[in-house]
Each structure stands twice: as C-alpha cells, then as structure tokens.
Amino acid sequence: MVINKLSTVASAEATAVSQPVRSQARALWISLRPRQWIKNLLVFAALLFSQNLFNPLLVGKAVLGFFCFCAISSGVYLMNDLKDLEMDRLHPVKRLRPLAAGKLSEGVARWASITLMGVGLALSVLLAVPFGVVAAIYLGVQMAYVWWLKEVIILDIICVSTGFVLRAVAGGLVVAVHISSWLIVCTIMLGLFLALAKRRHELTILKEEATSHRPSLQEYSLQLLDQMIAVVTASTLMSYILYTLSDVTAKKFGTDNLKYTIPFVLYGILRYLYLVHKRELGGQPEITLLTDKPLLISIALYVMTVGIILYL
C-alpha cells in the first residue's frame, strides 16, 4: 500500500515536471487563487470611510497595498497547498487543485511561494513602515495557521478572522488615516461569520470523512457551529447598527444617514445564511460573493449608498 502511494506521488510529480512551461504558468496562476484576492479589498475600507476616495496619492498607495497583500496571501496559499498535498489528493474538491492533480511541480510552487511572500513583504515596508509591520504580522499569523493553528478548534476561526482585521488595519496605515475601533469590531465579526460558515460547509460535504481531511473538524459539530453562527451573526449586525447610530460616527461624517445602509447589510448577512443552509455554499466565500446575483446587487447598492452619503 505504501509502495503504491509513493508510486502515485512520484507519477504525479513526474507529470507536473514534464508539463510545458505555458501549462505550468497557467497551473501556477490558478494556484495563486486570484479569486480570493477579493478579501484584500478590505485594504480600501479605511480609504472609503475616511472620505479620501478621490485623493489620487492615497488611492495609489492603497492600490499598491492591495497588491502587496495579494502577493503575500498567494504565497501563503501555495505554502498551504504544499503542506496539505497528501490530504488534498483525497479530498473530493481539493484534489482538482493544480498541485494535487500533478499539473504543477512542487519545486515551482515552493519557489513561487517564497518569492511572492518575500517581494510582497519588502514592498510593504518600502510603501510605509507601519504598513509593512502589519503585513509581516499578517504573514506570521497566516503561516502559524498553515502549520499549526488550523488544527486547533476555535483558534482556527479566530486566526482566519484576524487576517481580515489585519487587512483593514493595514489599509488605514498605508494611507495614514485614523483607524476606527468600529472598523476593527465589525471586521472581526464579519471574519468570524465567514470562517464559521466555511467550517460548517466542510463538515456538511465531507461528513464522516471530515476528520481525515482536517483534524479540527472532529471537535466541531453542526449543532455547535450553528450556535456559534447564530451568536456571531447577531453580533455582526448589532456592531454595524451601533456604528451607524453612534454619535461619534454622526459627528465624524457630519450626518447620521449611514443608518440607511443597514437594510443592505441585513439582507446580505441573511442571504449568505440562506446560501449556507439551503444551498450548502459557504466553503468558498469569494466564489459565493462573485456568483450570487442577489448578494452582488446588495453589495453594489451598499457601496453606492455609502459613496453618496459620505461624498455627496
């Protein structure tokens, strides 16, 4: 059995190495998970809410910061795929990833991972030292997640949520604006919501094989996750509602009209819950956000309404 397994791995690696350069490049691009870069849009949150969206210099810095996080996060994704290679080959969905499917060589993936993380981190420091420090912390947290924390119940979802918060904080530092406590609270709640929904999806589709793919899933149950999701959903909504109704917020923007964005947030959260429970989605938030039309419309209307309130 061991010999057969080693033969399979060797065969897959040989196939990857023999692939043409163009095919390897395409496989590498897919492995970078460009769809997941949507998470890095949180870098622009501070720019939007600080009313600097039409400041060319700050917009340029935010864009560069966005690409720094894209490079770092993609490097982490590659490292994660390398570490979980054997388990991914047994997973019903992850086995289709280029590395697990033998379409990308481990050597290329390892080189690209180290390069992307190094370049992304170096550019972050050059862009702004405080921004670079947060980027380094983000990288450290993500690597801890890849090698250890994703196997520890509760800490795994907190780690994922922390990644969202660090993106938002970094976005404020790169444009040198005040980072609201509300931004941190709302972001960590949203991150927990998405992470819990992802765990629920994994437990649902993998069923009795879940623990063989992710040991921490052995400690979770659908009942426990549903209770956690209920708590975090309420906390997320209340955090945002209190933010929009806060006297500090009204004084900062000179208006209390942000309260009119509450219906879009409410609908978006409830729509996502519907997709998780009734359509068994949520395993890949970036795909769900980009493919569900009602959710897309809600997000677009939210951004448009915020823009009108803060800028017009």
Protein backbone atom coordinates (compact mmCIF):
# COMPACT_ATOMS: atom_id res chain seq x y z
CA MET A 1 0.00 0.00 0.00
CA VAL A 2 2.84 2.36 0.93
CA ILE A 3 4.66 1.49 -2.30
CA ASN A 4 1.55 2.18 -4.36
CA LYS A 5 1.09 5.51 -2.61
CA LEU A 6 4.69 6.52 -3.25
CA SER A 7 4.33 5.48 -6.87
CA THR A 8 1.25 7.64 -7.25
CA VAL A 9 3.02 10.65 -5.78
CA ALA A 10 6.10 10.10 -7.93
CA SER A 11 3.94 9.71 -11.03
CA ALA A 12 2.05 12.91 -10.28
CA GLU A 13 5.25 14.85 -9.72
CA ALA A 14 6.83 13.48 -12.89
CA THR A 15 3.76 14.50 -14.85
CA ALA A 16 3.95 18.02 -13.40
CA VAL A 17 7.62 18.40 -14.27
CA SER A 18 7.03 17.27 -17.83
CA GLN A 19 4.30 19.84 -18.42
CA PRO A 20 5.17 22.62 -20.91
CA VAL A 21 6.18 25.99 -19.44
CA ARG A 22 2.90 27.58 -20.54
CA SER A 23 0.89 24.86 -18.83
CA GLN A 24 2.96 25.24 -15.65
CA ALA A 25 2.41 29.01 -15.73
CA ARG A 26 -1.34 28.53 -16.05
CA ALA A 27 -1.36 25.99 -13.24
CA LEU A 28 0.66 28.39 -11.06
CA TRP A 29 -1.78 31.24 -11.78
CA ILE A 30 -4.72 29.07 -10.70
CA SER A 31 -2.85 28.06 -7.54
CA LEU A 32 -2.39 31.74 -6.61
CA ARG A 33 -6.17 31.82 -6.04
CA PRO A 34 -6.80 35.21 -7.74
CA ARG A 35 -10.50 34.96 -6.84
CA GLN A 36 -9.56 35.08 -3.17
CA TRP A 37 -7.95 38.48 -3.70
CA ILE A 38 -11.45 39.85 -3.16
CA LYS A 39 -10.68 39.53 0.58
CA ASN A 40 -7.84 42.03 0.13
CA LEU A 41 -10.35 44.70 -0.90
CA LEU A 42 -10.65 45.35 2.83
CA VAL A 43 -7.46 47.38 2.37
CA PHE A 44 -9.68 50.05 0.76
CA ALA A 45 -12.16 50.21 3.66
CA ALA A 46 -10.28 52.92 5.57
CA LEU A 47 -9.76 54.90 2.36
CA LEU A 48 -13.51 54.84 1.64
CA PHE A 49 -14.68 55.72 5.14
CA SER A 50 -12.02 58.41 5.63
CA GLN A 51 -13.54 60.23 2.63
CA ASN A 52 -10.28 60.11 0.65
CA LEU A 53 -11.56 58.08 -2.28
CA PHE A 54 -10.80 60.93 -4.70
CA ASN A 55 -7.30 61.63 -3.41
CA PRO A 56 -5.05 60.27 -6.22
CA LEU A 57 -1.96 59.91 -4.00
CA LEU A 58 -3.77 57.95 -1.28
CA VAL A 59 -5.66 55.86 -3.82
CA GLY A 60 -2.34 54.94 -5.42
CA LYS A 61 -0.91 53.90 -2.06
CA ALA A 62 -3.99 51.82 -1.29
CA VAL A 63 -3.76 50.08 -4.67
CA LEU A 64 -0.10 49.22 -4.07
CA GLY A 65 -1.02 47.99 -0.60
CA PHE A 66 -3.71 45.81 -2.11
CA PHE A 67 -1.24 44.16 -4.47
CA CYS A 68 1.25 43.64 -1.61
CA PHE A 69 -1.38 41.67 0.27
CA CYS A 70 -2.30 39.77 -2.91
CA ALA A 71 1.33 38.68 -3.30
CA ILE A 72 1.70 37.68 0.37
CA SER A 73 -1.64 35.85 0.55
CA SER A 74 -0.98 33.97 -2.70
CA GLY A 75 2.41 32.88 -1.36
CA VAL A 76 0.65 31.56 1.74
CA TYR A 77 -1.91 29.67 -0.39
CA LEU A 78 0.91 27.93 -2.23
CA MET A 79 2.64 27.02 1.03
CA ASN A 80 -0.66 25.67 2.36
CA ASP A 81 -1.12 23.51 -0.76
CA LEU A 82 2.40 22.14 -0.39
CA LYS A 83 1.84 21.22 3.25
CA ASP A 84 -1.58 19.61 2.65
CA LEU A 85 -0.65 17.92 -0.60
CA GLU A 86 -1.39 14.37 0.53
CA MET A 87 -4.73 15.22 2.15
CA ASP A 88 -5.78 17.35 -0.83
CA ARG A 89 -5.31 14.37 -3.15
CA LEU A 90 -8.00 12.54 -1.17
CA HIS A 91 -10.41 15.50 -0.99
CA PRO A 92 -13.41 15.49 -3.40
CA VAL A 93 -12.79 19.12 -4.43
CA LYS A 94 -9.22 20.00 -3.45
CA ARG A 95 -7.85 17.05 -5.45
CA LEU A 96 -8.54 19.17 -8.53
CA ARG A 97 -6.06 21.85 -7.43
CA PRO A 98 -3.02 22.01 -9.76
CA LEU A 99 -0.54 20.72 -7.17
CA ALA A 100 -2.74 17.86 -6.00
CA ALA A 101 -3.64 16.97 -9.59
CA GLY A 102 0.02 16.86 -10.64
CA LYS A 103 -0.25 19.83 -13.01
CA LEU A 104 2.18 21.98 -11.05
CA SER A 105 5.55 20.81 -9.77
CA GLU A 106 6.34 21.16 -6.08
CA GLY A 107 9.62 22.90 -6.91
CA VAL A 108 7.92 25.65 -8.91
CA ALA A 109 5.26 26.09 -6.23
CA ARG A 110 7.83 26.33 -3.42
CA TRP A 111 9.97 28.84 -5.34
CA ALA A 112 6.94 30.97 -6.25
CA SER A 113 5.64 30.89 -2.66
CA ILE A 114 8.89 32.14 -1.12
CA THR A 115 9.34 34.76 -3.85
CA LEU A 116 5.82 36.16 -3.55
CA MET A 117 5.95 36.39 0.23
CA GLY A 118 9.39 37.99 0.17
CA VAL A 119 8.62 40.52 -2.56
CA GLY A 120 5.22 41.38 -1.05
CA LEU A 121 6.73 41.95 2.37
CA ALA A 122 9.65 44.02 1.04
CA LEU A 123 7.35 46.27 -1.00
CA SER A 124 5.08 46.69 2.03
CA VAL A 125 7.97 48.05 4.11
CA LEU A 126 9.02 50.39 1.30
CA LEU A 127 5.46 51.65 0.95
CA ALA A 128 5.13 52.55 4.65
CA VAL A 129 6.94 51.06 7.62
CA PRO A 130 3.81 50.71 9.82
CA PHE A 131 2.02 49.08 6.89
CA GLY A 132 4.98 46.73 6.45
CA VAL A 133 4.89 45.79 10.14
CA VAL A 134 1.21 44.83 9.91
CA ALA A 135 1.89 42.93 6.68
CA ALA A 136 4.64 41.00 8.49
CA ILE A 137 2.27 40.22 11.37
CA TYR A 138 -0.33 39.07 8.84
CA LEU A 139 2.23 36.76 7.23
CA GLY A 140 3.26 35.39 10.62
CA VAL A 141 -0.34 34.69 11.63
CA GLN A 142 -1.10 33.00 8.32
CA MET A 143 1.98 30.81 8.47
CA ALA A 144 1.09 29.83 12.05
CA TYR A 145 -2.36 28.93 10.72
CA VAL A 146 -0.94 26.83 7.88
CA TRP A 147 1.48 24.88 10.09
CA TRP A 148 -0.42 24.63 13.36
CA LEU A 149 -3.43 26.78 14.25
CA LYS A 150 -5.83 25.40 11.66
CA GLU A 151 -5.79 22.15 13.61
CA VAL A 152 -6.85 23.84 16.88
CA ILE A 153 -10.57 24.27 17.45
CA ILE A 154 -11.79 27.88 17.82
CA LEU A 155 -8.27 29.25 17.35
CA ASP A 156 -8.57 28.27 13.69
CA ILE A 157 -11.58 30.54 13.05
CA ILE A 158 -10.11 33.33 15.19
CA CYS A 159 -6.95 33.15 13.09
CA VAL A 160 -8.95 33.49 9.86
CA SER A 161 -10.87 36.43 11.31
CA THR A 162 -7.62 38.07 12.41
CA GLY A 163 -6.49 38.00 8.80
CA PHE A 164 -9.50 40.14 7.84
CA VAL A 165 -8.81 42.62 10.65
CA LEU A 166 -5.13 42.98 9.74
CA ARG A 167 -6.07 43.76 6.13
CA ALA A 168 -8.40 46.52 7.28
CA VAL A 169 -5.87 47.94 9.76
CA ALA A 170 -3.11 47.86 7.14
CA GLY A 171 -5.38 49.78 4.77
CA GLY A 172 -5.65 52.57 7.31
CA LEU A 173 -1.91 52.65 7.95
CA VAL A 174 -0.93 52.77 4.29
CA VAL A 175 -2.98 55.95 3.74
CA ALA A 176 -2.12 57.30 7.22
CA VAL A 177 -5.67 57.82 8.47
CA HIS A 178 -7.26 57.17 11.86
CA ILE A 179 -8.42 53.57 12.28
CA SER A 180 -11.83 53.47 13.90
CA SER A 181 -12.47 50.94 16.65
CA TRP A 182 -15.75 50.22 14.91
CA LEU A 183 -13.87 49.17 11.77
CA ILE A 184 -11.93 46.60 13.81
CA VAL A 185 -15.01 45.30 15.64
CA CYS A 186 -17.16 44.99 12.51
CA THR A 187 -14.36 43.36 10.54
CA ILE A 188 -13.54 40.74 13.16
CA MET A 189 -17.25 39.86 13.47
CA LEU A 190 -17.58 39.52 9.70
CA GLY A 191 -14.43 37.39 9.56
CA LEU A 192 -15.76 35.05 12.25
CA PHE A 193 -19.07 34.77 10.42
CA LEU A 194 -17.39 33.74 7.16
CA ALA A 195 -14.95 31.36 8.88
CA LEU A 196 -17.72 29.57 10.78
CA ALA A 197 -19.80 29.24 7.62
CA LYS A 198 -16.77 27.72 5.89
CA ARG A 199 -16.29 25.16 8.68
CA ARG A 200 -19.97 24.25 8.51
CA HIS A 201 -19.72 23.71 4.76
CA GLU A 202 -16.66 21.46 5.19
CA LEU A 203 -18.41 19.39 7.83
CA THR A 204 -21.51 19.08 5.64
CA ILE A 205 -19.88 17.94 2.39
CA LEU A 206 -17.20 15.69 3.93
CA LYS A 207 -19.48 14.09 6.57
CA GLU A 208 -17.79 11.07 8.20
CA GLU A 209 -14.56 11.70 6.24
CA ALA A 210 -14.22 15.26 7.57
CA THR A 211 -11.68 14.46 10.28
CA SER A 212 -9.34 12.75 7.82
CA HIS A 213 -9.08 15.99 5.84
CA ARG A 214 -8.98 18.45 8.74
CA PRO A 215 -8.45 17.02 12.26
CA SER A 216 -10.00 20.06 13.96
CA LEU A 217 -13.35 19.21 12.38
CA GLN A 218 -13.54 16.26 14.77
CA GLU A 219 -14.11 18.77 17.58
CA TYR A 220 -16.89 20.59 15.75
CA SER A 221 -20.48 19.52 15.15
CA LEU A 222 -23.25 21.05 13.06
CA GLN A 223 -25.15 21.93 16.22
CA LEU A 224 -22.16 23.68 17.77
CA LEU A 225 -21.34 25.56 14.55
CA ASP A 226 -24.96 26.65 14.11
CA GLN A 227 -24.99 28.03 17.66
CA MET A 228 -21.72 29.87 17.05
CA ILE A 229 -23.01 31.24 13.73
CA ALA A 230 -26.19 32.47 15.43
CA VAL A 231 -24.18 34.35 18.07
CA VAL A 232 -21.73 35.84 15.57
CA THR A 233 -24.50 36.78 13.11
CA ALA A 234 -26.33 38.77 15.78
CA SER A 235 -23.05 40.34 16.94
CA THR A 236 -22.09 41.32 13.40
CA LEU A 237 -25.42 43.02 12.72
CA MET A 238 -25.53 44.78 16.07
CA SER A 239 -21.94 46.00 15.71
CA TYR A 240 -22.69 47.62 12.37
CA ILE A 241 -26.04 49.04 13.52
CA LEU A 242 -24.46 50.59 16.63
CA TYR A 243 -21.67 52.01 14.45
CA THR A 244 -24.10 53.78 12.13
CA LEU A 245 -26.18 55.11 15.05
CA SER A 246 -23.20 56.23 17.12
CA ASP A 247 -22.95 59.94 17.95
CA VAL A 248 -19.21 59.72 17.23
CA THR A 249 -19.94 58.45 13.71
CA ALA A 250 -22.52 61.17 13.07
CA LYS A 251 -20.10 63.83 14.32
CA LYS A 252 -17.23 62.49 12.21
CA PHE A 253 -19.18 62.49 8.94
CA GLY A 254 -21.47 65.39 9.73
CA THR A 255 -24.52 63.19 9.12
CA ASP A 256 -26.35 60.25 10.63
CA ASN A 257 -27.51 58.98 7.25
CA LEU A 258 -25.30 55.89 7.37
CA LYS A 259 -28.22 54.27 9.14
CA TYR A 260 -29.85 53.94 5.72
CA THR A 261 -27.22 51.35 4.75
CA ILE A 262 -28.43 48.95 7.47
CA PRO A 263 -31.02 47.20 5.23
CA PHE A 264 -28.30 46.23 2.71
CA VAL A 265 -26.08 44.76 5.44
CA LEU A 266 -29.05 42.96 6.98
CA TYR A 267 -30.08 41.47 3.65
CA GLY A 268 -26.51 40.48 2.74
CA ILE A 269 -25.95 38.61 6.01
CA LEU A 270 -29.31 36.83 5.86
CA ARG A 271 -28.86 35.98 2.17
CA TYR A 272 -25.47 34.44 2.93
CA LEU A 273 -27.01 32.39 5.74
CA TYR A 274 -29.65 31.17 3.31
CA LEU A 275 -26.96 30.08 0.83
CA VAL A 276 -25.05 28.27 3.59
CA HIS A 277 -28.03 26.38 4.99
CA LYS A 278 -30.23 25.78 1.97
CA ARG A 279 -27.76 25.54 -0.90
CA GLU A 280 -24.77 24.21 1.05
CA LEU A 281 -22.50 27.02 -0.09
CA GLY A 282 -20.04 29.00 2.02
CA GLY A 283 -16.99 26.79 1.52
CA GLN A 284 -15.52 29.41 -0.80
CA PRO A 285 -16.85 32.86 0.20
CA GLU A 286 -15.09 34.59 -2.68
CA ILE A 287 -16.96 32.47 -5.24
CA THR A 288 -20.27 32.86 -3.44
CA LEU A 289 -19.86 36.64 -3.35
CA LEU A 290 -18.99 36.79 -7.05
CA THR A 291 -21.64 34.42 -8.38
CA ASP A 292 -24.81 35.03 -6.35
CA LYS A 293 -26.62 37.88 -8.12
CA PRO A 294 -28.86 38.98 -5.22
CA LEU A 295 -25.81 39.18 -2.97
CA LEU A 296 -23.84 41.09 -5.60
CA ILE A 297 -26.67 43.57 -6.07
CA SER A 298 -26.91 44.10 -2.31
CA ILE A 299 -23.16 44.77 -2.05
CA ALA A 300 -23.23 47.14 -5.04
CA LEU A 301 -26.16 49.07 -3.58
CA TYR A 302 -24.41 49.25 -0.21
CA VAL A 303 -21.21 50.67 -1.69
CA MET A 304 -23.16 53.12 -3.85
CA THR A 305 -25.23 54.31 -0.88
CA VAL A 306 -22.15 54.74 1.32
CA GLY A 307 -20.49 56.70 -1.50
CA ILE A 308 -23.48 59.03 -1.88
CA ILE A 309 -23.79 59.62 1.87
CA LEU A 310 -20.10 60.27 2.51
CA TYR A 311 -19.15 62.12 -0.66
CA LEU A 312 -22.28 63.86 -1.97
